[in-house]
Amino acid sequence: MSANVQTSQSLPTLQSGNTGEAVRYLQRILNCLSYGPVATDANFGPQTETAVKNFQSNYPPLAVDGVVGSQTWWQIVRVFADSSFCNNSAK
């Protein structure tokens, strides 16, 4: 998995209750960036929401709401792309 494959425009808004591969992608990145541990089960539950809020709180002016919209995705993808460790281990 590579951050240059997905862009913030092509990723769906995610929030508690969502499921699917986009959620799994998010969970893997959050774990790689040390916002976990989050189960990579493709279910956006309380662990994932907490990890997202923790991430958002480190990148103002993102809203700390646990919702991964275009602004949060953009920041996640940017940080992930800048992290050589994550680019090698979150595949």
N, C-alpha and C. Protein backbone atom coordinates (compact mmCIF):
# COMPACT_ATOMS: atom_id res chain seq x y z
N MET A 1 0.85 -1.17 0.00
CA MET A 1 0.00 0.00 0.00
C MET A 1 0.88 1.22 0.00
N SER A 2 0.53 2.20 -0.78
CA SER A 2 1.34 3.40 -0.91
C SER A 2 0.45 4.62 -0.87
N ALA A 3 0.93 5.66 -0.21
CA ALA A 3 0.15 6.88 -0.09
C ALA A 3 -0.02 7.54 -1.45
N ASN A 4 0.90 7.32 -2.40
CA ASN A 4 0.72 7.96 -3.69
C ASN A 4 -0.32 7.25 -4.54
N VAL A 5 -0.78 6.09 -4.15
CA VAL A 5 -1.82 5.39 -4.89
C VAL A 5 -3.18 6.02 -4.59
N GLN A 6 -3.41 6.36 -3.34
CA GLN A 6 -4.68 6.94 -2.93
C GLN A 6 -4.46 8.42 -2.64
N THR A 7 -5.40 9.26 -3.04
CA THR A 7 -5.33 10.67 -2.69
C THR A 7 -6.51 11.00 -1.82
N SER A 8 -6.41 12.13 -1.14
CA SER A 8 -7.50 12.50 -0.24
C SER A 8 -8.80 12.70 -1.00
N GLN A 9 -8.74 13.06 -2.29
CA GLN A 9 -9.97 13.23 -3.07
C GLN A 9 -10.64 11.90 -3.39
N SER A 10 -9.88 10.81 -3.45
CA SER A 10 -10.46 9.53 -3.84
C SER A 10 -10.87 8.67 -2.64
N LEU A 11 -10.64 9.17 -1.45
CA LEU A 11 -10.96 8.41 -0.25
C LEU A 11 -12.28 8.89 0.35
N PRO A 12 -13.11 7.97 0.79
CA PRO A 12 -14.43 8.34 1.31
C PRO A 12 -14.34 8.94 2.71
N THR A 13 -15.33 9.74 3.05
CA THR A 13 -15.46 10.21 4.43
C THR A 13 -15.78 9.00 5.29
N LEU A 14 -15.04 8.85 6.39
CA LEU A 14 -15.22 7.71 7.29
C LEU A 14 -15.55 8.19 8.69
N GLN A 15 -16.41 7.42 9.35
CA GLN A 15 -16.77 7.73 10.73
C GLN A 15 -17.24 6.46 11.42
N SER A 16 -17.48 6.58 12.71
CA SER A 16 -17.91 5.43 13.50
C SER A 16 -19.07 4.71 12.83
N GLY A 17 -18.95 3.39 12.76
CA GLY A 17 -19.98 2.56 12.14
C GLY A 17 -19.68 2.14 10.72
N ASN A 18 -18.73 2.84 10.06
CA ASN A 18 -18.36 2.47 8.70
C ASN A 18 -17.53 1.19 8.69
N THR A 19 -17.57 0.46 7.58
CA THR A 19 -16.78 -0.74 7.40
C THR A 19 -16.20 -0.74 5.99
N GLY A 20 -15.20 -1.59 5.78
CA GLY A 20 -14.68 -1.77 4.44
C GLY A 20 -13.18 -1.54 4.34
N GLU A 21 -12.70 -1.69 3.11
CA GLU A 21 -11.25 -1.62 2.87
C GLU A 21 -10.68 -0.23 3.13
N ALA A 22 -11.45 0.82 2.92
CA ALA A 22 -10.94 2.17 3.22
C ALA A 22 -10.70 2.31 4.73
N VAL A 23 -11.55 1.69 5.55
CA VAL A 23 -11.36 1.71 7.00
C VAL A 23 -10.10 0.93 7.36
N ARG A 24 -9.90 -0.22 6.75
CA ARG A 24 -8.70 -1.02 7.01
C ARG A 24 -7.44 -0.23 6.62
N TYR A 25 -7.47 0.45 5.49
CA TYR A 25 -6.37 1.30 5.04
C TYR A 25 -6.06 2.36 6.10
N LEU A 26 -7.09 3.03 6.58
CA LEU A 26 -6.95 4.03 7.63
C LEU A 26 -6.34 3.42 8.89
N GLN A 27 -6.84 2.29 9.31
CA GLN A 27 -6.36 1.63 10.53
C GLN A 27 -4.89 1.27 10.42
N ARG A 28 -4.48 0.76 9.28
CA ARG A 28 -3.08 0.39 9.09
C ARG A 28 -2.18 1.62 9.18
N ILE A 29 -2.61 2.71 8.58
CA ILE A 29 -1.81 3.94 8.64
C ILE A 29 -1.76 4.47 10.07
N LEU A 30 -2.89 4.49 10.76
CA LEU A 30 -2.90 4.97 12.15
C LEU A 30 -1.96 4.14 13.02
N ASN A 31 -1.95 2.84 12.84
CA ASN A 31 -1.03 1.99 13.59
C ASN A 31 0.42 2.32 13.24
N CYS A 32 0.69 2.46 11.98
CA CYS A 32 2.05 2.75 11.53
C CYS A 32 2.54 4.08 12.08
N LEU A 33 1.66 5.04 12.18
CA LEU A 33 2.03 6.36 12.70
C LEU A 33 1.97 6.42 14.22
N SER A 34 1.80 5.26 14.85
CA SER A 34 1.79 5.13 16.33
C SER A 34 0.57 5.78 16.99
N TYR A 35 -0.56 5.76 16.30
CA TYR A 35 -1.81 6.21 16.91
C TYR A 35 -2.65 5.03 17.37
N GLY A 36 -2.09 3.84 17.33
CA GLY A 36 -2.77 2.63 17.78
C GLY A 36 -2.25 2.20 19.12
N PRO A 37 -2.51 0.96 19.48
CA PRO A 37 -2.94 -0.09 18.57
C PRO A 37 -4.43 -0.02 18.24
N VAL A 38 -4.68 -0.19 16.96
CA VAL A 38 -6.04 -0.26 16.45
C VAL A 38 -6.16 -1.57 15.69
N ALA A 39 -7.20 -2.34 15.96
CA ALA A 39 -7.44 -3.57 15.21
C ALA A 39 -7.65 -3.22 13.74
N THR A 40 -6.99 -3.95 12.85
CA THR A 40 -7.16 -3.71 11.41
C THR A 40 -8.24 -4.66 10.89
N ASP A 41 -9.43 -4.46 11.42
CA ASP A 41 -10.56 -5.35 11.14
C ASP A 41 -11.57 -4.76 10.16
N ALA A 42 -11.26 -3.58 9.61
CA ALA A 42 -12.13 -2.90 8.64
C ALA A 42 -13.42 -2.40 9.25
N ASN A 43 -13.49 -2.33 10.58
CA ASN A 43 -14.67 -1.79 11.28
C ASN A 43 -14.26 -0.53 12.03
N PHE A 44 -14.91 0.59 11.72
CA PHE A 44 -14.60 1.86 12.36
C PHE A 44 -15.36 1.90 13.69
N GLY A 45 -14.68 1.45 14.74
CA GLY A 45 -15.27 1.39 16.07
C GLY A 45 -14.60 2.38 17.00
N PRO A 46 -14.79 2.19 18.31
CA PRO A 46 -14.26 3.13 19.31
C PRO A 46 -12.74 3.30 19.28
N GLN A 47 -11.99 2.21 19.05
CA GLN A 47 -10.52 2.32 18.99
C GLN A 47 -10.08 3.21 17.84
N THR A 48 -10.70 2.98 16.70
CA THR A 48 -10.35 3.77 15.51
C THR A 48 -10.74 5.23 15.72
N GLU A 49 -11.91 5.46 16.28
CA GLU A 49 -12.35 6.83 16.52
C GLU A 49 -11.40 7.56 17.47
N THR A 50 -10.98 6.89 18.52
CA THR A 50 -10.04 7.50 19.47
C THR A 50 -8.71 7.81 18.78
N ALA A 51 -8.22 6.88 17.97
CA ALA A 51 -6.97 7.10 17.26
C ALA A 51 -7.08 8.28 16.31
N VAL A 52 -8.20 8.38 15.61
CA VAL A 52 -8.43 9.50 14.69
C VAL A 52 -8.45 10.82 15.47
N LYS A 53 -9.16 10.84 16.58
CA LYS A 53 -9.21 12.08 17.38
C LYS A 53 -7.82 12.45 17.90
N ASN A 54 -7.04 11.47 18.32
CA ASN A 54 -5.67 11.75 18.77
C ASN A 54 -4.84 12.33 17.63
N PHE A 55 -4.98 11.77 16.44
CA PHE A 55 -4.28 12.30 15.27
C PHE A 55 -4.73 13.73 15.01
N GLN A 56 -6.04 13.94 14.95
CA GLN A 56 -6.57 15.27 14.64
C GLN A 56 -6.09 16.32 15.65
N SER A 57 -6.00 15.93 16.92
CA SER A 57 -5.58 16.89 17.94
C SER A 57 -4.13 17.35 17.76
N ASN A 58 -3.34 16.58 17.04
CA ASN A 58 -1.95 16.96 16.78
C ASN A 58 -1.78 17.82 15.54
N TYR A 59 -2.85 18.05 14.79
CA TYR A 59 -2.75 18.80 13.54
C TYR A 59 -3.85 19.85 13.43
N PRO A 60 -3.77 20.90 14.28
CA PRO A 60 -4.73 21.99 14.13
C PRO A 60 -4.51 22.63 12.78
N PRO A 61 -5.51 23.11 12.15
CA PRO A 61 -6.86 23.37 12.65
C PRO A 61 -7.86 22.27 12.35
N LEU A 62 -7.42 21.00 12.22
CA LEU A 62 -8.38 19.92 12.01
C LEU A 62 -9.38 19.89 13.16
N ALA A 63 -10.64 19.66 12.82
CA ALA A 63 -11.66 19.46 13.85
C ALA A 63 -11.39 18.12 14.54
N VAL A 64 -11.44 18.11 15.85
CA VAL A 64 -11.23 16.87 16.61
C VAL A 64 -12.60 16.25 16.83
N ASP A 65 -13.10 15.59 15.77
CA ASP A 65 -14.45 15.04 15.80
C ASP A 65 -14.49 13.54 15.50
N GLY A 66 -13.34 12.95 15.21
CA GLY A 66 -13.31 11.52 14.92
C GLY A 66 -13.81 11.15 13.53
N VAL A 67 -14.13 12.13 12.71
CA VAL A 67 -14.60 11.90 11.34
C VAL A 67 -13.42 12.15 10.40
N VAL A 68 -13.20 11.23 9.49
CA VAL A 68 -12.10 11.37 8.53
C VAL A 68 -12.68 11.86 7.21
N GLY A 69 -12.72 13.18 7.08
CA GLY A 69 -13.16 13.82 5.85
C GLY A 69 -11.96 14.21 5.01
N SER A 70 -12.16 15.03 4.00
CA SER A 70 -11.09 15.35 3.07
C SER A 70 -9.90 16.03 3.74
N GLN A 71 -10.12 16.92 4.69
CA GLN A 71 -9.00 17.61 5.34
C GLN A 71 -8.19 16.64 6.20
N THR A 72 -8.87 15.78 6.94
CA THR A 72 -8.15 14.81 7.76
C THR A 72 -7.42 13.80 6.88
N TRP A 73 -8.09 13.32 5.82
CA TRP A 73 -7.41 12.41 4.89
C TRP A 73 -6.16 13.06 4.31
N TRP A 74 -6.28 14.32 3.90
CA TRP A 74 -5.14 15.01 3.30
C TRP A 74 -3.97 15.00 4.27
N GLN A 75 -4.23 15.32 5.54
CA GLN A 75 -3.16 15.37 6.54
C GLN A 75 -2.59 13.97 6.81
N ILE A 76 -3.46 12.98 6.91
CA ILE A 76 -3.00 11.60 7.14
C ILE A 76 -2.11 11.14 6.00
N VAL A 77 -2.54 11.35 4.77
CA VAL A 77 -1.76 10.92 3.61
C VAL A 77 -0.44 11.68 3.55
N ARG A 78 -0.46 12.97 3.86
CA ARG A 78 0.78 13.77 3.85
C ARG A 78 1.78 13.24 4.88
N VAL A 79 1.32 13.00 6.10
CA VAL A 79 2.21 12.50 7.16
C VAL A 79 2.70 11.10 6.82
N PHE A 80 1.81 10.26 6.32
CA PHE A 80 2.18 8.90 5.93
C PHE A 80 3.24 8.92 4.83
N ALA A 81 3.06 9.76 3.83
CA ALA A 81 4.00 9.84 2.72
C ALA A 81 5.37 10.34 3.18
N ASP A 82 5.39 11.19 4.22
CA ASP A 82 6.64 11.72 4.74
C ASP A 82 7.35 10.75 5.67
N SER A 83 6.72 9.65 6.02
CA SER A 83 7.30 8.72 6.98
C SER A 83 7.89 7.52 6.26
N SER A 84 9.21 7.47 6.14
CA SER A 84 9.84 6.35 5.44
C SER A 84 9.59 5.03 6.16
N PHE A 85 9.50 5.05 7.49
CA PHE A 85 9.21 3.84 8.24
C PHE A 85 7.87 3.27 7.84
N CYS A 86 6.87 4.12 7.79
CA CYS A 86 5.53 3.64 7.46
C CYS A 86 5.46 3.17 6.01
N ASN A 87 6.10 3.85 5.12
CA ASN A 87 6.06 3.44 3.71
C ASN A 87 6.64 2.05 3.53
N ASN A 88 7.51 1.63 4.43
CA ASN A 88 8.10 0.31 4.31
C ASN A 88 7.37 -0.76 5.08
N SER A 89 6.55 -0.39 6.08
CA SER A 89 5.98 -1.43 6.95
C SER A 89 4.47 -1.54 6.90
N ALA A 90 3.76 -0.64 6.27
CA ALA A 90 2.30 -0.69 6.29
C ALA A 90 1.73 -1.29 5.02
N LYS A 91 2.48 -2.12 4.38
CA LYS A 91 2.03 -2.72 3.10
C LYS A 91 1.10 -3.89 3.37
